[in-house]
Amino acid sequence: MEKRHNEADVSPFEQRFVTALPGELSGEKMARQTPKVFYSLVKPTPVPKPEILLWSDEAAALLSWPNPVDKKGWQAEVLVGNRELSGMKSYAMRYGGHQFGHWAGQLGDGRAITLGEVRNAQGELWELQLKGAGPTPYSRRADGRAVLRSSLREFLCSEAMFHLGVPTTRALSLSLTGEPVLRDMFYDGHPEWEPGAITSRLAPSFVRFGSFEILAASGEIDNLKTLADYVIREHYPDFAAGTDEGYRDWFHEICRRTARLMVDWLRVGFVHGVMNTDNMSILGLTIDYGPYGWLDVYDPGFTPNTTDASQKRYRFSQQPSVALWNLARLGEALAPLMENPELLEAGFEVFRQTFGEGYRTMTLQKLGLATWKGEEDEVLIRDLDQALRSTEIDMTLFYRALAEEAFLESKEISPKMREAFYSPGTEGETQVMAWILRHRARIASEGRPVAEVKEGMNRVNPYFILRNYLVQEAIDALGKGDSTVMNELMEALKTPYESRPLTDKFSGRRPEWARQKAGCSDLSCSS
């Protein structure tokens, strides 16, 4: 079939969300409260010189869209908001949320504008949203814009998560706007002008936990029911809206999906950084890549978010607990829909059971084990945590090296495993080696073929992760007009479990210079 190259050939946009739910229709961008609506119609603010910097062929295929022939052509104009396509009716969504454990009231899409839904050749609907497209009624005192620094981080990470097998929103394009944006990166009184950028991203829905919270908090119970029934009808068709049993089963499935998401985050060493309820997807997707981070050194207490530095509410190891807390807030919001809201409470046990079983299975897979030996394996896993905490060791490199280490005979750390240590030769190295010897014996007890064990371990333990310092190197190079690092990272992230020239290039330990460098370790919510 011939590829489409003309904007007139792409499918018209649909507006199921806007058509099904009441909104605020004035188009006024002034920041304000918008009670009793689900969204406000608002147009993106045009930019002077749009140019596509990054493009995902795979995300474009989800829309059945052609890849751009001209980086300044019609796709660039559409994906910064300068041009409308047939059927578009752009809007910003209203929602609320708990931020760092406290109710924040109305929030909403302060710099995100949804253009509508696109139906692809397979009949699937995808919402297309612009991030950084200008002010909306929910921008409060902000400008609704985004900068290249944070936009590149979001684009690369969302695509990296997809290829790692983690449920996520997708990135379609990253475009330069041709105008600078003023940002104070660390809120320390030193703002700087940075290149402006807009990311276009896709999801079946961008509805969040906070979309329901704002309606319950405002006493808008009819609207609460309307939204719940809409989400069930459009995205959870196996459940019956309008009954206690239907809402119960739907909530339980949200709990189940969220638990599985937490297992995946822990598996790959991802830290979201800002798990507020307004950043939790009702579909169980990773959404809103802000001050995220990856574990370089194995540190369950790590958080990349400077705003969370003292409390560490959203640290790596606490993410499952926070997810459960957020689900409790969602359950409270949904309770007014039901005659017997206590039916929702079983969802928390669904979460615990799904997470517990999923975490155990995932851990066994990472260790190359096929069976669970109860207390023996509980002790083995507990002691692994203690051994890894005893020294500075790279989580990703450790697990990849473990697939080889498990079948060696030497009682000394192998050269490949030694590459995982940030400070080799310490007492912690002795503890890690002692644990490895126990792990070898445990592997041998199952008697499985070596190739089968290694293949299974390498299927769940990434060889390459998108470390923060790598993205920062790409950002720094772009500042000098060099896009090489960015383009190479874009290719490497497509095969995160494979050793090949590009993933080899980016698979090493975090360098010492990146330990405290801005953008490599600590990040803020600023963009």
Foldseek 3Di string as FASTA:
>chain_A
DDADADLVPFDAFAAPPPVLWAEAEPQDQAADDDPPGFWYFHAFDAFDQKFFDDFDPVVCQQLSHDDHPGRRDDVRCVQLRNDAGHNWGKIKGWFWWQWPNHTDAIATLQQKIWRHWGQHPVRAIKIKMKQARFGHNRVVPDTSGDFPLQQLVVQLAQLLCVLLVAFAKHWGTKIWRPAWDWWDFVPPPDIDTGTTIMIMIIDSDLDFLRSLLNCLVVVVVVSSLSVVQVCCVRPVVVADRQAPVRVQVLLLVLLLLLLLNLLLCLLAQKFQQIVIRSQGGSNSHRGDRFQIFGFFWDDQQAHQAPVCVPVSCRGSVCPLVVSLVSSVSSLVSCQVSYPCSVSNVVSSVSNVVSNVVSNVVSVCLLLLHDDDDPPVVVVLVVLLSVLSVVAGFTPLQQSLVLLVLLPDDDLADDPSRQQRGPDPPDPSRVSNSVSSVVSSVVNVVVVDDSVVSNVSNLSRRWQADCAQVLSVVCVVCVVVVDNVSVVLSSVCSNCRSDDDDSSVVHRGRDDPVLPPDPRRRHGHRMD
